[in-house]
Amino acid sequence: MSPRVYQFLTLATLSLTILLIIVGGATRVYDAGMACPDWPHCYGLWWPWPESRVIEAGHLEGYVVNGQHYVWWQVLLEWGHRGLAAVVGFGLIGLLIGSLWQPKTINTPLLLAAGLLAVQIKLGAVTVWFSNIHWSVVLHLGNAMLFTLALFWLWWRQRVPAPAVRAKAPLILWGLAVAAPVLVWLTMLMGAAVSSSHSGGVCGGLFSCAGVWLPSPKVDVGQHIHMQHRLFALLTFILSVVLLVVAKRRSQPPIRQAALQLHLMVLGQVVLGILTLYSFASFPEYYYPLSIAHLGWGTLTLLAAVAVPLTLASVPAAGVTKPTRKK
């Protein structure tokens, strides 16, 4: 497998993983997480359409789970989410096989992705077995994000070879660069907790929550989780501003560009979050699509965040050129 084909396969698997996360978000917000009550089958079938087939398979009430009747497109969302996950799995198998003809520098992110995928498959089953309980949804999304980052790192290793001598960067810049993806990841975990606990509209608009800045979990767990998510989002925005200022003063152009891209992504995510917040009560018909867009944009924001430390590690020292890869 040529390096160009391998890079295309990596990018395709990464893109499908992002799509998988978005479809998973749609499955959750449209309350279709239990539309297929068993795993890995769906009502004991690999192809559960039309509903009459499900009845013939022994489910006499059709798409009914715990007294709730699901329509065909809800079943399609959950079934499609699993099918897309299988495609991503086959993509990773192709990457593992193709790595035999690639430089050994890709082994670390590739093996990390393989391990995270194995965990993700188990977590997918756990979410079904525990009926999409909130902690299982949070773990499922959190691990999916780590798997996405591993694929992004793999793609980056092929696209940007490590320099022979890396440019020195201030310790504060490295600290901010590493903290950025961690904080974005934690913010997304809190967002998953908000969604899975149905706490999206419990606090109303900005800025406080019913006049309280940090509600106690003993009083209202939903309000507490919601305001925690807002707090993490605020800290992420502040960090992106500080990172942008420090990078502008004490780094090279590629790092400044990466910091600017992250700041713009975080700003866009904040705007989407505010729109989603107010749509809950004022424009309920837009709440679900805005929630899905919020998750999708957040995933891209996480990639922009991890691109900052990867850029720091990829900038060569002054007067040192990057090594060229053999064709």
C-alpha atoms as a PDB file:
ATOM      1  CA  MET A   1       0.000   0.000   0.000  1.00  0.00           C
ATOM      2  CA  SER A   2       1.486   3.322  -1.075  1.00  0.00           C
ATOM      3  CA  PRO A   3       1.784   6.206   1.432  1.00  0.00           C
ATOM      4  CA  ARG A   4      -0.744   8.227  -0.584  1.00  0.00           C
ATOM      5  CA  VAL A   5      -3.358   5.448  -0.479  1.00  0.00           C
ATOM      6  CA  TYR A   6      -2.675   4.881   3.212  1.00  0.00           C
ATOM      7  CA  GLN A   7      -3.148   8.566   3.967  1.00  0.00           C
ATOM      8  CA  PHE A   8      -6.440   8.559   2.026  1.00  0.00           C
ATOM      9  CA  LEU A   9      -7.634   5.529   3.999  1.00  0.00           C
ATOM     10  CA  THR A  10      -6.683   7.262   7.251  1.00  0.00           C
ATOM     11  CA  LEU A  11      -8.567  10.431   6.306  1.00  0.00           C
ATOM     12  CA  ALA A  12     -11.600   8.416   5.169  1.00  0.00           C
ATOM     13  CA  THR A  13     -11.691   6.468   8.450  1.00  0.00           C
ATOM     14  CA  LEU A  14     -11.309   9.700  10.417  1.00  0.00           C
ATOM     15  CA  SER A  15     -14.120  11.377   8.458  1.00  0.00           C
ATOM     16  CA  LEU A  16     -16.421   8.385   8.964  1.00  0.00           C
ATOM     17  CA  THR A  17     -15.645   8.450  12.687  1.00  0.00           C
ATOM     18  CA  ILE A  18     -16.727  12.103  12.892  1.00  0.00           C
ATOM     19  CA  LEU A  19     -19.899  11.204  10.991  1.00  0.00           C
ATOM     20  CA  LEU A  20     -20.411   8.291  13.391  1.00  0.00           C
ATOM     21  CA  ILE A  21     -20.264  10.669  16.372  1.00  0.00           C
ATOM     22  CA  ILE A  22     -22.804  12.983  14.740  1.00  0.00           C
ATOM     23  CA  VAL A  23     -25.162  10.076  13.972  1.00  0.00           C
ATOM     24  CA  GLY A  24     -24.732   8.896  17.561  1.00  0.00           C
ATOM     25  CA  GLY A  25     -25.691  12.373  18.769  1.00  0.00           C
ATOM     26  CA  ALA A  26     -28.772  12.331  16.548  1.00  0.00           C
ATOM     27  CA  THR A  27     -29.681   8.903  17.920  1.00  0.00           C
ATOM     28  CA  ARG A  28     -29.499  10.264  21.436  1.00  0.00           C
ATOM     29  CA  VAL A  29     -31.382  13.551  20.985  1.00  0.00           C
ATOM     30  CA  TYR A  30     -34.167  11.864  19.005  1.00  0.00           C
ATOM     31  CA  ASP A  31     -34.550   9.346  21.851  1.00  0.00           C
ATOM     32  CA  ALA A  32     -33.648   6.391  19.630  1.00  0.00           C
ATOM     33  CA  GLY A  33     -30.876   4.932  21.766  1.00  0.00           C
ATOM     34  CA  MET A  34     -33.028   1.957  22.748  1.00  0.00           C
ATOM     35  CA  ALA A  35     -34.765   1.559  19.381  1.00  0.00           C
ATOM     36  CA  CYS A  36     -32.740  -1.652  19.009  1.00  0.00           C
ATOM     37  CA  PRO A  37     -33.065  -3.297  22.436  1.00  0.00           C
ATOM     38  CA  ASP A  38     -30.532  -6.094  21.837  1.00  0.00           C
ATOM     39  CA  TRP A  39     -26.908  -6.141  20.699  1.00  0.00           C
ATOM     40  CA  PRO A  40     -25.382  -6.810  18.194  1.00  0.00           C
ATOM     41  CA  HIS A  41     -28.694  -7.763  16.544  1.00  0.00           C
ATOM     42  CA  CYS A  42     -31.770  -5.544  16.385  1.00  0.00           C
ATOM     43  CA  TYR A  43     -34.883  -7.395  17.589  1.00  0.00           C
ATOM     44  CA  GLY A  44     -32.967 -10.591  16.924  1.00  0.00           C
ATOM     45  CA  LEU A  45     -32.431  -9.645  13.262  1.00  0.00           C
ATOM     46  CA  TRP A  46     -29.667  -8.143  11.191  1.00  0.00           C
ATOM     47  CA  TRP A  47     -32.276  -6.412   8.983  1.00  0.00           C
ATOM     48  CA  PRO A  48     -35.284  -5.358  11.122  1.00  0.00           C
ATOM     49  CA  TRP A  49     -37.488  -3.903   8.342  1.00  0.00           C
ATOM     50  CA  PRO A  50     -40.366  -3.804   7.783  1.00  0.00           C
ATOM     51  CA  GLU A  51     -41.882  -3.940  11.240  1.00  0.00           C
ATOM     52  CA  SER A  52     -43.817  -7.054  10.240  1.00  0.00           C
ATOM     53  CA  ARG A  53     -40.507  -8.979  10.094  1.00  0.00           C
ATOM     54  CA  VAL A  54     -39.871  -8.058  13.706  1.00  0.00           C
ATOM     55  CA  ILE A  55     -43.306  -9.377  14.677  1.00  0.00           C
ATOM     56  CA  GLU A  56     -42.641 -12.609  12.786  1.00  0.00           C
ATOM     57  CA  ALA A  57     -39.329 -12.970  14.637  1.00  0.00           C
ATOM     58  CA  GLY A  58     -41.221 -13.197  17.917  1.00  0.00           C
ATOM     59  CA  HIS A  59     -41.625  -9.556  18.948  1.00  0.00           C
ATOM     60  CA  LEU A  60     -45.395  -9.571  18.808  1.00  0.00           C
ATOM     61  CA  GLU A  61     -45.762  -5.840  19.400  1.00  0.00           C
ATOM     62  CA  GLY A  62     -43.245  -4.729  16.793  1.00  0.00           C
ATOM     63  CA  TYR A  63     -40.845  -1.885  17.620  1.00  0.00           C
ATOM     64  CA  VAL A  64     -41.921  -1.725  21.268  1.00  0.00           C
ATOM     65  CA  VAL A  65     -39.351  -1.530  24.076  1.00  0.00           C
ATOM     66  CA  ASN A  66     -40.451  -1.143  27.696  1.00  0.00           C
ATOM     67  CA  GLY A  67     -43.835   0.107  26.567  1.00  0.00           C
ATOM     68  CA  GLN A  68     -42.447   2.705  24.126  1.00  0.00           C
ATOM     69  CA  HIS A  69     -43.171   2.299  20.431  1.00  0.00           C
ATOM     70  CA  TYR A  70     -40.395   3.410  18.074  1.00  0.00           C
ATOM     71  CA  VAL A  71     -41.003   4.432  14.476  1.00  0.00           C
ATOM     72  CA  TRP A  72     -38.948   3.017  11.626  1.00  0.00           C
ATOM     73  CA  TRP A  73     -36.579   5.994  11.303  1.00  0.00           C
ATOM     74  CA  GLN A  74     -35.665   5.801  15.000  1.00  0.00           C
ATOM     75  CA  VAL A  75     -34.747   2.157  14.507  1.00  0.00           C
ATOM     76  CA  LEU A  76     -32.802   3.210  11.401  1.00  0.00           C
ATOM     77  CA  LEU A  77     -30.811   5.753  13.423  1.00  0.00           C
ATOM     78  CA  GLU A  78     -29.703   3.196  16.018  1.00  0.00           C
ATOM     79  CA  TRP A  79     -29.150   0.437  13.443  1.00  0.00           C
ATOM     80  CA  GLY A  80     -27.300   2.836  11.128  1.00  0.00           C
ATOM     81  CA  HIS A  81     -25.121   4.015  14.005  1.00  0.00           C
ATOM     82  CA  ARG A  82     -24.034   0.435  14.645  1.00  0.00           C
ATOM     83  CA  GLY A  83     -23.521  -0.265  10.942  1.00  0.00           C
ATOM     84  CA  LEU A  84     -21.368   2.842  10.528  1.00  0.00           C
ATOM     85  CA  ALA A  85     -19.341   1.775  13.561  1.00  0.00           C
ATOM     86  CA  ALA A  86     -18.682  -1.550  11.809  1.00  0.00           C
ATOM     87  CA  VAL A  87     -17.453   0.288   8.701  1.00  0.00           C
ATOM     88  CA  VAL A  88     -15.070   2.340  10.873  1.00  0.00           C
ATOM     89  CA  GLY A  89     -13.849  -0.914  12.435  1.00  0.00           C
ATOM     90  CA  PHE A  90     -13.087  -2.404   9.020  1.00  0.00           C
ATOM     91  CA  GLY A  91     -11.328   0.840   8.097  1.00  0.00           C
ATOM     92  CA  LEU A  92      -9.059   0.470  11.107  1.00  0.00           C
ATOM     93  CA  ILE A  93      -8.349  -3.158  10.195  1.00  0.00           C
ATOM     94  CA  GLY A  94      -7.274  -1.906   6.773  1.00  0.00           C
ATOM     95  CA  LEU A  95      -5.000   0.637   8.450  1.00  0.00           C
ATOM     96  CA  LEU A  96      -3.437  -2.061  10.615  1.00  0.00           C
ATOM     97  CA  ILE A  97      -2.738  -4.237   7.586  1.00  0.00           C
ATOM     98  CA  GLY A  98      -1.488  -1.313   5.499  1.00  0.00           C
ATOM     99  CA  SER A  99       0.873  -0.210   8.266  1.00  0.00           C
ATOM    100  CA  LEU A 100       3.163  -3.110   7.322  1.00  0.00           C
ATOM    101  CA  TRP A 101       4.333  -0.984   4.361  1.00  0.00           C
ATOM    102  CA  GLN A 102       4.505   2.336   6.262  1.00  0.00           C
ATOM    103  CA  PRO A 103       7.169   3.985   8.452  1.00  0.00           C
ATOM    104  CA  LYS A 104       7.294   2.807  12.054  1.00  0.00           C
ATOM    105  CA  THR A 105       6.616   6.361  13.262  1.00  0.00           C
ATOM    106  CA  ILE A 106       2.871   5.743  12.852  1.00  0.00           C
ATOM    107  CA  ASN A 107       2.811   2.710  15.151  1.00  0.00           C
ATOM    108  CA  THR A 108       2.066   4.600  18.380  1.00  0.00           C
ATOM    109  CA  PRO A 109      -1.123   6.426  17.266  1.00  0.00           C
ATOM    110  CA  LEU A 110      -2.264   3.390  15.270  1.00  0.00           C
ATOM    111  CA  LEU A 111      -1.968   0.968  18.181  1.00  0.00           C
ATOM    112  CA  LEU A 112      -3.598   3.535  20.456  1.00  0.00           C
ATOM    113  CA  ALA A 113      -6.539   3.790  18.043  1.00  0.00           C
ATOM    114  CA  ALA A 114      -6.866  -0.008  17.925  1.00  0.00           C
ATOM    115  CA  GLY A 115      -6.967  -0.254  21.717  1.00  0.00           C
ATOM    116  CA  LEU A 116      -9.510   2.550  22.022  1.00  0.00           C
ATOM    117  CA  LEU A 117     -11.725   0.932  19.368  1.00  0.00           C
ATOM    118  CA  ALA A 118     -11.755  -2.331  21.317  1.00  0.00           C
ATOM    119  CA  VAL A 119     -12.879  -0.407  24.402  1.00  0.00           C
ATOM    120  CA  GLN A 120     -15.460   1.493  22.343  1.00  0.00           C
ATOM    121  CA  ILE A 121     -17.079  -1.713  21.079  1.00  0.00           C
ATOM    122  CA  LYS A 122     -17.521  -2.905  24.655  1.00  0.00           C
ATOM    123  CA  LEU A 123     -18.860   0.476  25.769  1.00  0.00           C
ATOM    124  CA  GLY A 124     -21.379   0.394  22.916  1.00  0.00           C
ATOM    125  CA  ALA A 125     -22.741  -2.869  24.235  1.00  0.00           C
ATOM    126  CA  VAL A 126     -22.782  -1.501  27.801  1.00  0.00           C
ATOM    127  CA  THR A 127     -24.923   1.486  26.782  1.00  0.00           C
ATOM    128  CA  VAL A 128     -27.521  -0.921  25.385  1.00  0.00           C
ATOM    129  CA  TRP A 129     -27.358  -3.343  28.320  1.00  0.00           C
ATOM    130  CA  PHE A 130     -27.831  -0.483  30.806  1.00  0.00           C
ATOM    131  CA  SER A 131     -30.561   1.229  28.730  1.00  0.00           C
ATOM    132  CA  ASN A 132     -28.474   4.316  27.888  1.00  0.00           C
ATOM    133  CA  ILE A 133     -27.965   5.328  31.505  1.00  0.00           C
ATOM    134  CA  HIS A 134     -26.259   8.732  31.629  1.00  0.00           C
ATOM    135  CA  TRP A 135     -22.824   7.541  32.808  1.00  0.00           C
ATOM    136  CA  SER A 136     -22.615   4.973  29.992  1.00  0.00           C
ATOM    137  CA  VAL A 137     -23.404   7.672  27.411  1.00  0.00           C
ATOM    138  CA  VAL A 138     -20.687   9.929  28.831  1.00  0.00           C
ATOM    139  CA  LEU A 139     -18.088   7.147  28.775  1.00  0.00           C
ATOM    140  CA  HIS A 140     -19.146   6.102  25.268  1.00  0.00           C
ATOM    141  CA  LEU A 141     -18.762   9.626  23.876  1.00  0.00           C
ATOM    142  CA  GLY A 142     -15.575  10.338  25.810  1.00  0.00           C
ATOM    143  CA  ASN A 143     -13.833   7.243  24.476  1.00  0.00           C
ATOM    144  CA  ALA A 144     -15.130   7.973  20.958  1.00  0.00           C
ATOM    145  CA  MET A 145     -13.451  11.381  21.145  1.00  0.00           C
ATOM    146  CA  LEU A 146     -10.159   9.808  22.213  1.00  0.00           C
ATOM    147  CA  PHE A 147     -10.404   7.344  19.326  1.00  0.00           C
ATOM    148  CA  THR A 148     -10.999  10.264  16.942  1.00  0.00           C
ATOM    149  CA  LEU A 149      -7.947  12.064  18.312  1.00  0.00           C
ATOM    150  CA  ALA A 150      -5.821   8.944  17.824  1.00  0.00           C
ATOM    151  CA  LEU A 151      -6.889   8.776  14.162  1.00  0.00           C
ATOM    152  CA  PHE A 152      -6.188  12.495  13.776  1.00  0.00           C
ATOM    153  CA  TRP A 153      -2.732  11.997  15.270  1.00  0.00           C
ATOM    154  CA  LEU A 154      -2.162   9.107  12.852  1.00  0.00           C
ATOM    155  CA  TRP A 155      -3.164  11.292   9.912  1.00  0.00           C
ATOM    156  CA  TRP A 156      -0.962  14.123  11.207  1.00  0.00           C
ATOM    157  CA  ARG A 157       2.082  11.832  11.459  1.00  0.00           C
ATOM    158  CA  GLN A 158       1.742  11.002   7.760  1.00  0.00           C
ATOM    159  CA  ARG A 159       1.100  14.574   6.663  1.00  0.00           C
ATOM    160  CA  VAL A 160       3.649  16.411   8.835  1.00  0.00           C
ATOM    161  CA  PRO A 161       6.884  14.493   9.455  1.00  0.00           C
ATOM    162  CA  ALA A 162       8.678  15.230  12.723  1.00  0.00           C
ATOM    163  CA  PRO A 163      11.553  17.732  12.284  1.00  0.00           C
ATOM    164  CA  ALA A 164      15.142  16.686  12.852  1.00  0.00           C
ATOM    165  CA  VAL A 165      15.461  19.452  15.488  1.00  0.00           C
ATOM    166  CA  ARG A 166      12.279  20.862  17.024  1.00  0.00           C
ATOM    167  CA  ALA A 167      11.970  24.581  17.700  1.00  0.00           C
ATOM    168  CA  LYS A 168      12.049  25.495  21.371  1.00  0.00           C
ATOM    169  CA  ALA A 169       8.842  26.915  22.784  1.00  0.00           C
ATOM    170  CA  PRO A 170       8.173  28.568  26.166  1.00  0.00           C
ATOM    171  CA  LEU A 171       6.941  26.247  28.882  1.00  0.00           C
ATOM    172  CA  ILE A 172       3.793  28.347  29.352  1.00  0.00           C
ATOM    173  CA  LEU A 173       2.949  27.863  25.685  1.00  0.00           C
ATOM    174  CA  TRP A 174       3.343  24.103  25.983  1.00  0.00           C
ATOM    175  CA  GLY A 175       1.190  24.102  29.111  1.00  0.00           C
ATOM    176  CA  LEU A 176      -1.616  26.020  27.399  1.00  0.00           C
ATOM    177  CA  ALA A 177      -1.345  23.884  24.258  1.00  0.00           C
ATOM    178  CA  VAL A 178      -1.687  20.633  26.203  1.00  0.00           C
ATOM    179  CA  ALA A 179      -4.428  22.002  28.461  1.00  0.00           C
ATOM    180  CA  ALA A 180      -6.571  23.094  25.496  1.00  0.00           C
ATOM    181  CA  PRO A 181      -7.609  19.626  24.200  1.00  0.00           C
ATOM    182  CA  VAL A 182      -8.024  18.338  27.765  1.00  0.00           C
ATOM    183  CA  LEU A 183     -10.395  21.173  28.626  1.00  0.00           C
ATOM    184  CA  VAL A 184     -12.357  20.844  25.385  1.00  0.00           C
ATOM    185  CA  TRP A 185     -12.688  17.088  25.991  1.00  0.00           C
ATOM    186  CA  LEU A 186     -13.960  17.626  29.543  1.00  0.00           C
ATOM    187  CA  THR A 187     -16.432  20.243  28.312  1.00  0.00           C
ATOM    188  CA  MET A 188     -17.810  17.769  25.802  1.00  0.00           C
ATOM    189  CA  LEU A 189     -18.141  15.121  28.508  1.00  0.00           C
ATOM    190  CA  MET A 190     -20.189  17.555  30.569  1.00  0.00           C
ATOM    191  CA  GLY A 191     -22.274  18.288  27.468  1.00  0.00           C
ATOM    192  CA  ALA A 192     -22.968  14.569  27.095  1.00  0.00           C
ATOM    193  CA  ALA A 193     -24.036  14.470  30.740  1.00  0.00           C
ATOM    194  CA  VAL A 194     -26.400  17.400  30.106  1.00  0.00           C
ATOM    195  CA  SER A 195     -27.940  15.691  27.096  1.00  0.00           C
ATOM    196  CA  SER A 196     -28.260  12.217  28.618  1.00  0.00           C
ATOM    197  CA  SER A 197     -29.791  13.615  31.827  1.00  0.00           C
ATOM    198  CA  HIS A 198     -32.254  15.759  29.826  1.00  0.00           C
ATOM    199  CA  SER A 199     -30.907  18.937  31.440  1.00  0.00           C
ATOM    200  CA  GLY A 200     -30.649  21.060  28.307  1.00  0.00           C
ATOM    201  CA  GLY A 201     -33.375  23.543  29.243  1.00  0.00           C
ATOM    202  CA  VAL A 202     -33.446  23.371  33.042  1.00  0.00           C
ATOM    203  CA  CYS A 203     -31.631  26.682  33.548  1.00  0.00           C
ATOM    204  CA  GLY A 204     -33.338  28.863  30.954  1.00  0.00           C
ATOM    205  CA  GLY A 205     -31.191  31.605  29.438  1.00  0.00           C
ATOM    206  CA  LEU A 206     -27.934  33.263  30.361  1.00  0.00           C
ATOM    207  CA  PHE A 207     -26.216  33.776  32.703  1.00  0.00           C
ATOM    208  CA  SER A 208     -27.266  32.197  35.987  1.00  0.00           C
ATOM    209  CA  CYS A 209     -29.529  29.212  36.607  1.00  0.00           C
ATOM    210  CA  ALA A 210     -32.782  30.492  38.140  1.00  0.00           C
ATOM    211  CA  GLY A 211     -30.737  33.188  39.868  1.00  0.00           C
ATOM    212  CA  VAL A 212     -28.073  30.781  41.162  1.00  0.00           C
ATOM    213  CA  TRP A 213     -24.569  30.587  39.693  1.00  0.00           C
ATOM    214  CA  LEU A 214     -23.702  27.086  40.881  1.00  0.00           C
ATOM    215  CA  PRO A 215     -26.749  25.099  42.026  1.00  0.00           C
ATOM    216  CA  SER A 216     -26.102  22.365  44.555  1.00  0.00           C
ATOM    217  CA  PRO A 217     -26.503  18.791  43.278  1.00  0.00           C
ATOM    218  CA  LYS A 218     -28.494  18.079  46.432  1.00  0.00           C
ATOM    219  CA  VAL A 219     -31.109  20.625  45.338  1.00  0.00           C
ATOM    220  CA  ASP A 220     -31.230  19.873  41.597  1.00  0.00           C
ATOM    221  CA  VAL A 221     -28.771  17.526  39.908  1.00  0.00           C
ATOM    222  CA  GLY A 222     -29.847  18.623  36.401  1.00  0.00           C
ATOM    223  CA  GLN A 223     -29.201  22.293  37.109  1.00  0.00           C
ATOM    224  CA  HIS A 224     -25.851  21.458  38.692  1.00  0.00           C
ATOM    225  CA  ILE A 225     -24.717  19.448  35.642  1.00  0.00           C
ATOM    226  CA  HIS A 226     -25.929  22.147  33.256  1.00  0.00           C
ATOM    227  CA  MET A 227     -24.029  24.934  35.015  1.00  0.00           C
ATOM    228  CA  GLN A 228     -20.908  22.750  35.246  1.00  0.00           C
ATOM    229  CA  HIS A 229     -21.015  22.456  31.462  1.00  0.00           C
ATOM    230  CA  ARG A 230     -21.297  26.238  31.130  1.00  0.00           C
ATOM    231  CA  LEU A 231     -18.380  26.700  33.541  1.00  0.00           C
ATOM    232  CA  PHE A 232     -16.151  24.380  31.528  1.00  0.00           C
ATOM    233  CA  ALA A 233     -17.182  26.173  28.324  1.00  0.00           C
ATOM    234  CA  LEU A 234     -16.242  29.539  29.884  1.00  0.00           C
ATOM    235  CA  LEU A 235     -12.856  28.214  31.016  1.00  0.00           C
ATOM    236  CA  THR A 236     -12.239  26.832  27.514  1.00  0.00           C
ATOM    237  CA  PHE A 237     -13.006  30.200  25.939  1.00  0.00           C
ATOM    238  CA  ILE A 238     -10.708  32.030  28.380  1.00  0.00           C
ATOM    239  CA  LEU A 239      -7.916  29.527  27.720  1.00  0.00           C
ATOM    240  CA  SER A 240      -8.271  29.991  23.954  1.00  0.00           C
ATOM    241  CA  VAL A 241      -7.906  33.757  24.373  1.00  0.00           C
ATOM    242  CA  VAL A 242      -4.828  33.423  26.599  1.00  0.00           C
ATOM    243  CA  LEU A 243      -3.297  30.876  24.223  1.00  0.00           C
ATOM    244  CA  LEU A 244      -3.885  33.212  21.294  1.00  0.00           C
ATOM    245  CA  VAL A 245      -2.187  36.120  23.088  1.00  0.00           C
ATOM    246  CA  VAL A 246       0.801  34.051  24.237  1.00  0.00           C
ATOM    247  CA  ALA A 247       1.233  32.430  20.815  1.00  0.00           C
ATOM    248  CA  LYS A 248       1.115  35.817  19.080  1.00  0.00           C
ATOM    249  CA  ARG A 249       3.905  37.176  21.265  1.00  0.00           C
ATOM    250  CA  ARG A 250       6.144  34.157  21.763  1.00  0.00           C
ATOM    251  CA  SER A 251       5.878  31.712  18.878  1.00  0.00           C
ATOM    252  CA  GLN A 252       6.308  31.148  15.161  1.00  0.00           C
ATOM    253  CA  PRO A 253       3.606  31.744  12.494  1.00  0.00           C
ATOM    254  CA  PRO A 254       2.368  28.100  12.259  1.00  0.00           C
ATOM    255  CA  ILE A 255       1.657  28.045  15.992  1.00  0.00           C
ATOM    256  CA  ARG A 256      -0.054  31.427  15.862  1.00  0.00           C
ATOM    257  CA  GLN A 257      -2.275  30.156  13.055  1.00  0.00           C
ATOM    258  CA  ALA A 258      -3.163  27.004  15.002  1.00  0.00           C
ATOM    259  CA  ALA A 259      -4.019  29.075  18.091  1.00  0.00           C
ATOM    260  CA  LEU A 260      -6.173  31.425  16.011  1.00  0.00           C
ATOM    261  CA  GLN A 261      -8.028  28.516  14.408  1.00  0.00           C
ATOM    262  CA  LEU A 262      -8.739  27.035  17.827  1.00  0.00           C
ATOM    263  CA  HIS A 263     -10.023  30.356  19.161  1.00  0.00           C
ATOM    264  CA  LEU A 264     -12.375  30.793  16.209  1.00  0.00           C
ATOM    265  CA  MET A 265     -13.655  27.223  16.614  1.00  0.00           C
ATOM    266  CA  VAL A 266     -14.273  27.777  20.336  1.00  0.00           C
ATOM    267  CA  LEU A 267     -16.046  31.065  19.575  1.00  0.00           C
ATOM    268  CA  GLY A 268     -18.277  29.314  17.050  1.00  0.00           C
ATOM    269  CA  GLN A 269     -19.035  26.586  19.583  1.00  0.00           C
ATOM    270  CA  VAL A 270     -20.047  29.176  22.185  1.00  0.00           C
ATOM    271  CA  VAL A 271     -22.418  30.804  19.686  1.00  0.00           C
ATOM    272  CA  LEU A 272     -23.926  27.418  18.824  1.00  0.00           C
ATOM    273  CA  GLY A 273     -24.306  26.640  22.527  1.00  0.00           C
ATOM    274  CA  ILE A 274     -26.189  29.888  23.152  1.00  0.00           C
ATOM    275  CA  LEU A 275     -28.461  29.280  20.155  1.00  0.00           C
ATOM    276  CA  THR A 276     -29.153  25.748  21.389  1.00  0.00           C
ATOM    277  CA  LEU A 277     -29.873  27.065  24.881  1.00  0.00           C
ATOM    278  CA  TYR A 278     -32.469  29.623  23.756  1.00  0.00           C
ATOM    279  CA  SER A 279     -34.007  27.343  21.144  1.00  0.00           C
ATOM    280  CA  PHE A 280     -35.132  24.946  23.899  1.00  0.00           C
ATOM    281  CA  ALA A 281     -37.938  27.280  24.989  1.00  0.00           C
ATOM    282  CA  SER A 282     -38.223  29.813  22.171  1.00  0.00           C
ATOM    283  CA  PHE A 283     -37.670  27.724  19.021  1.00  0.00           C
ATOM    284  CA  PRO A 284     -38.196  24.069  20.026  1.00  0.00           C
ATOM    285  CA  GLU A 285     -38.351  22.910  16.394  1.00  0.00           C
ATOM    286  CA  TYR A 286     -34.666  23.869  16.031  1.00  0.00           C
ATOM    287  CA  TYR A 287     -33.457  22.428  19.342  1.00  0.00           C
ATOM    288  CA  TYR A 288     -32.643  18.929  18.050  1.00  0.00           C
ATOM    289  CA  PRO A 289     -30.740  19.966  14.888  1.00  0.00           C
ATOM    290  CA  LEU A 290     -28.880  22.645  16.850  1.00  0.00           C
ATOM    291  CA  SER A 291     -27.911  20.054  19.478  1.00  0.00           C
ATOM    292  CA  ILE A 292     -26.519  17.791  16.754  1.00  0.00           C
ATOM    293  CA  ALA A 293     -24.639  20.705  15.163  1.00  0.00           C
ATOM    294  CA  HIS A 294     -23.294  21.614  18.610  1.00  0.00           C
ATOM    295  CA  LEU A 295     -21.851  18.114  18.991  1.00  0.00           C
ATOM    296  CA  GLY A 296     -20.419  18.033  15.465  1.00  0.00           C
ATOM    297  CA  TRP A 297     -18.768  21.435  15.811  1.00  0.00           C
ATOM    298  CA  GLY A 298     -17.452  20.425  19.231  1.00  0.00           C
ATOM    299  CA  THR A 299     -15.777  17.382  17.682  1.00  0.00           C
ATOM    300  CA  LEU A 300     -14.036  19.597  15.125  1.00  0.00           C
ATOM    301  CA  THR A 301     -13.081  22.002  17.922  1.00  0.00           C
ATOM    302  CA  LEU A 302     -11.393  19.133  19.752  1.00  0.00           C
ATOM    303  CA  LEU A 303      -9.363  18.345  16.629  1.00  0.00           C
ATOM    304  CA  ALA A 304      -8.378  22.028  16.369  1.00  0.00           C
ATOM    305  CA  ALA A 305      -7.319  21.922  20.023  1.00  0.00           C
ATOM    306  CA  VAL A 306      -5.076  18.887  19.643  1.00  0.00           C
ATOM    307  CA  ALA A 307      -3.621  20.414  16.474  1.00  0.00           C
ATOM    308  CA  VAL A 308      -1.956  23.092  18.638  1.00  0.00           C
ATOM    309  CA  PRO A 309       0.433  20.785  20.551  1.00  0.00           C
ATOM    310  CA  LEU A 310       0.955  18.730  17.384  1.00  0.00           C
ATOM    311  CA  THR A 311       1.986  21.913  15.584  1.00  0.00           C
ATOM    312  CA  LEU A 312       4.333  22.823  18.425  1.00  0.00           C
ATOM    313  CA  ALA A 313       5.999  19.437  18.069  1.00  0.00           C
ATOM    314  CA  SER A 314       6.260  19.783  14.274  1.00  0.00           C
ATOM    315  CA  VAL A 315       7.904  23.188  13.876  1.00  0.00           C
ATOM    316  CA  PRO A 316      11.619  22.846  13.046  1.00  0.00           C
ATOM    317  CA  ALA A 317      14.257  24.997  14.700  1.00  0.00           C
ATOM    318  CA  ALA A 318      15.462  28.031  12.784  1.00  0.00           C
ATOM    319  CA  GLY A 319      17.740  27.023   9.923  1.00  0.00           C
ATOM    320  CA  VAL A 320      16.709  23.360  10.115  1.00  0.00           C
ATOM    321  CA  THR A 321      14.550  21.928   7.360  1.00  0.00           C
ATOM    322  CA  LYS A 322      12.054  19.129   7.795  1.00  0.00           C
ATOM    323  CA  PRO A 323      13.148  15.704   6.587  1.00  0.00           C
ATOM    324  CA  THR A 324      11.700  14.620   3.281  1.00  0.00           C
ATOM    325  CA  ARG A 325       9.856  11.321   3.065  1.00  0.00           C
ATOM    326  CA  LYS A 326      11.015   8.806   0.505  1.00  0.00           C
ATOM    327  CA  LYS A 327       8.457   7.991  -2.179  1.00  0.00           C
END
